[in-house]
């Protein structure tokens, strides 16, 4: 069967960058760059008139920026948007706002303007364009409103809890879901939460800072030998793969690992889940959210084999159903739940 051509609109205020990205994308015979825009307003107007399959959008543009484009495109002519941006830590909160507003995913633009630099992200951008083209656009639009619900109320827990740790793994489409889950966990949560999310480290740093401002739980990025504490949330950085290790004094700490995993690395969700399951066994609660690929499947299988609890985000609420589907197909998912159901289900499991 002949593969369908994917029509792409590029928006960037640098003429050189527009040219480089266009040349790079059109090396793929299935991609056609139908036009380009120099700012967010022009990107919105051309999306309305040309109806591209995917918009590749810079965030920092003069007059009308990327956020303007995302807001208006998702409101008036919903279209999958991939952010191709080089925002630093101080500015990268805009990326998370764009994702909440409905942007599909982002690719971190390399620093510098040389064509050899932009080509370092060619494979990643290509993969995400294919995924964006196949996404059900209706699964993206609700992400912008789901975070309106927040629960800062304490919860009454029994003395003995069936789970001692909550693990969350996600990739494309999962950042808004992670925020929603954390916003709806009680402030007196008696177990730690560890999150593996596929994104560059400087964006994870910004994500941690964002969550620290908005979430009632303590949030921090992992570092070597950092010990787990109840009621704290930990995010893996993307510099290493991370495992949990139980020390002689009973503490469970984070350690970097040189192990490599087939599905994904830096950070590997499988590395986290497998090591946690080996320590906590049936007292492990593993959650897989929206994402491309199959990272987390082996970890979920390990949790399931040790009689822990496994939950995956359902197809209807996932932006990309790849990771939940892979775990489900391997028989590693006990419950398929919508994103809205997951935090309450997790709390009721712990109660």
Foldseek 3Di string as FASTA:
>chain_A
DDDAAFEEEEEALDPLLVVLVQVLQVVDVRYDDPYYHNALVRLQVCCVVVVGQEYEAEADGPPHGVLSNLQNCLVPPQHAYEYAYQDFLVPLVVVVLSQQQFHFYYDHQFPDRDSVRRVVCSVVVVVVSVLRSPWDSVLRRCSNPLQVDADAAADDFDPDFLAAEEEEEEETSCLSLVNNLQRHAYQQQFHEYEYEYDDAQSSVVSSQVVCCVRGSFAEDEADFFDWTGTRYYYYYHQPAEWEWDADPVGTIGIDGDPDDDDWDVSYASLRHLLRVCVPGQQNYEYEYEADATAGPLNSLQSNVVSNHAYEYEDPSNHRHCHHVVNNVVVVSHPYHHHSVCPNVVVVVSGD
